[in-house]
């Protein structure tokens, strides 16, 4: 009788363990499988398009830097003139 109770409690423990869900290692393995599947879906840009886009970004940064610099010079001259007048 005692053996039957032990077997039943072990079976109940196994059911409870399975009811919790997969183990941490199974979840980690599933995560790596899903990452691998998602990485296969990525469409990487060609080196030619990366090169041309880099130059466009650099040109835009330089243009905006010059424009902001000019606005800064104009405002600083304006503030200087105001301080001389006042």
C-alpha atoms as a PDB file:
ATOM      1  CA  UNK A   1       0.000   0.000   0.000  1.00  0.00           C
ATOM      2  CA  UNK A   2       2.816   2.399   0.885  1.00  0.00           C
ATOM      3  CA  UNK A   3       4.491   1.738  -2.447  1.00  0.00           C
ATOM      4  CA  UNK A   4       1.317   2.640  -4.318  1.00  0.00           C
ATOM      5  CA  UNK A   5       1.087   5.911  -2.415  1.00  0.00           C
ATOM      6  CA  UNK A   6       4.732   6.731  -3.227  1.00  0.00           C
ATOM      7  CA  UNK A   7       4.157   5.973  -6.901  1.00  0.00           C
ATOM      8  CA  UNK A   8       1.022   8.085  -6.905  1.00  0.00           C
ATOM      9  CA  UNK A   9       2.798  11.030  -5.253  1.00  0.00           C
ATOM     10  CA  UNK A  10       5.680  10.771  -7.736  1.00  0.00           C
ATOM     11  CA  UNK A  11       3.211  10.672 -10.599  1.00  0.00           C
ATOM     12  CA  UNK A  12       1.392  13.684  -9.164  1.00  0.00           C
ATOM     13  CA  UNK A  13       4.699  15.550  -8.805  1.00  0.00           C
ATOM     14  CA  UNK A  14       5.577  14.796 -12.438  1.00  0.00           C
ATOM     15  CA  UNK A  15       2.160  16.040 -13.563  1.00  0.00           C
ATOM     16  CA  UNK A  16       2.579  19.206 -11.526  1.00  0.00           C
ATOM     17  CA  UNK A  17       6.031  19.742 -12.995  1.00  0.00           C
ATOM     18  CA  UNK A  18       4.698  19.286 -16.529  1.00  0.00           C
ATOM     19  CA  UNK A  19       1.766  21.575 -15.766  1.00  0.00           C
ATOM     20  CA  UNK A  20       4.235  24.367 -14.918  1.00  0.00           C
ATOM     21  CA  UNK A  21       5.592  24.309 -18.436  1.00  0.00           C
ATOM     22  CA  UNK A  22       8.922  23.545 -20.038  1.00  0.00           C
ATOM     23  CA  UNK A  23      12.137  23.810 -18.075  1.00  0.00           C
ATOM     24  CA  UNK A  24      14.380  26.858 -18.239  1.00  0.00           C
ATOM     25  CA  UNK A  25      16.786  25.058 -20.584  1.00  0.00           C
ATOM     26  CA  UNK A  26      13.992  24.137 -22.967  1.00  0.00           C
ATOM     27  CA  UNK A  27      12.825  27.754 -23.027  1.00  0.00           C
ATOM     28  CA  UNK A  28      16.376  29.011 -23.665  1.00  0.00           C
ATOM     29  CA  UNK A  29      16.795  26.520 -26.513  1.00  0.00           C
ATOM     30  CA  UNK A  30      13.457  27.613 -27.995  1.00  0.00           C
ATOM     31  CA  UNK A  31      14.532  31.250 -27.759  1.00  0.00           C
ATOM     32  CA  UNK A  32      17.762  30.534 -29.648  1.00  0.00           C
ATOM     33  CA  UNK A  33      15.818  28.641 -32.315  1.00  0.00           C
ATOM     34  CA  UNK A  34      13.457  31.582 -32.757  1.00  0.00           C
ATOM     35  CA  UNK A  35      16.374  34.026 -32.940  1.00  0.00           C
ATOM     36  CA  UNK A  36      17.998  31.885 -35.624  1.00  0.00           C
ATOM     37  CA  UNK A  37      14.722  31.792 -37.585  1.00  0.00           C
ATOM     38  CA  UNK A  38      14.335  35.578 -37.356  1.00  0.00           C
ATOM     39  CA  UNK A  39      17.936  36.150 -38.436  1.00  0.00           C
ATOM     40  CA  UNK A  40      17.233  34.186 -41.617  1.00  0.00           C
ATOM     41  CA  UNK A  41      14.398  36.619 -42.458  1.00  0.00           C
ATOM     42  CA  UNK A  42      16.634  39.708 -42.386  1.00  0.00           C
ATOM     43  CA  UNK A  43      17.355  41.341 -45.725  1.00  0.00           C
ATOM     44  CA  UNK A  44      20.762  42.955 -45.442  1.00  0.00           C
ATOM     45  CA  UNK A  45      21.578  46.076 -47.441  1.00  0.00           C
ATOM     46  CA  UNK A  46      24.147  45.817 -50.184  1.00  0.00           C
ATOM     47  CA  UNK A  47      27.568  47.405 -49.577  1.00  0.00           C
ATOM     48  CA  UNK A  48      26.910  49.828 -52.445  1.00  0.00           C
ATOM     49  CA  UNK A  49      23.708  51.163 -50.875  1.00  0.00           C
ATOM     50  CA  UNK A  50      25.360  51.390 -47.433  1.00  0.00           C
ATOM     51  CA  UNK A  51      28.211  53.408 -48.940  1.00  0.00           C
ATOM     52  CA  UNK A  52      25.877  55.805 -50.788  1.00  0.00           C
ATOM     53  CA  UNK A  53      23.621  56.246 -47.747  1.00  0.00           C
ATOM     54  CA  UNK A  54      26.652  56.980 -45.556  1.00  0.00           C
ATOM     55  CA  UNK A  55      27.738  59.770 -47.878  1.00  0.00           C
ATOM     56  CA  UNK A  56      24.214  61.215 -47.936  1.00  0.00           C
ATOM     57  CA  UNK A  57      24.089  61.263 -44.146  1.00  0.00           C
ATOM     58  CA  UNK A  58      27.525  62.897 -43.905  1.00  0.00           C
ATOM     59  CA  UNK A  59      26.493  65.548 -46.442  1.00  0.00           C
ATOM     60  CA  UNK A  60      23.290  66.285 -44.513  1.00  0.00           C
ATOM     61  CA  UNK A  61      25.221  66.555 -41.223  1.00  0.00           C
ATOM     62  CA  UNK A  62      27.707  68.979 -42.758  1.00  0.00           C
ATOM     63  CA  UNK A  63      24.929  71.118 -44.286  1.00  0.00           C
ATOM     64  CA  UNK A  64      23.028  71.315 -40.992  1.00  0.00           C
ATOM     65  CA  UNK A  65      26.237  72.050 -39.053  1.00  0.00           C
ATOM     66  CA  UNK A  66      27.045  74.972 -41.356  1.00  0.00           C
ATOM     67  CA  UNK A  67      23.458  76.284 -41.140  1.00  0.00           C
ATOM     68  CA  UNK A  68      23.415  76.106 -37.337  1.00  0.00           C
ATOM     69  CA  UNK A  69      26.857  77.711 -37.208  1.00  0.00           C
ATOM     70  CA  UNK A  70      25.654  80.610 -39.360  1.00  0.00           C
ATOM     71  CA  UNK A  71      22.577  81.115 -37.193  1.00  0.00           C
ATOM     72  CA  UNK A  72      24.819  81.056 -34.120  1.00  0.00           C
ATOM     73  CA  UNK A  73      27.160  83.689 -35.581  1.00  0.00           C
ATOM     74  CA  UNK A  74      24.228  85.919 -36.564  1.00  0.00           C
ATOM     75  CA  UNK A  75      22.647  85.680 -33.108  1.00  0.00           C
ATOM     76  CA  UNK A  76      25.957  86.273 -31.322  1.00  0.00           C
ATOM     77  CA  UNK A  77      26.585  89.413 -33.430  1.00  0.00           C
ATOM     78  CA  UNK A  78      23.036  90.545 -32.665  1.00  0.00           C
ATOM     79  CA  UNK A  79      23.555  90.036 -28.914  1.00  0.00           C
ATOM     80  CA  UNK A  80      26.898  91.890 -29.096  1.00  0.00           C
ATOM     81  CA  UNK A  81      25.291  94.842 -30.882  1.00  0.00           C
ATOM     82  CA  UNK A  82      22.487  94.904 -28.273  1.00  0.00           C
ATOM     83  CA  UNK A  83      25.020  94.914 -25.430  1.00  0.00           C
ATOM     84  CA  UNK A  84      26.928  97.832 -27.010  1.00  0.00           C
ATOM     85  CA  UNK A  85      23.730  99.852 -27.530  1.00  0.00           C
ATOM     86  CA  UNK A  86      22.435  99.237 -23.994  1.00  0.00           C
END
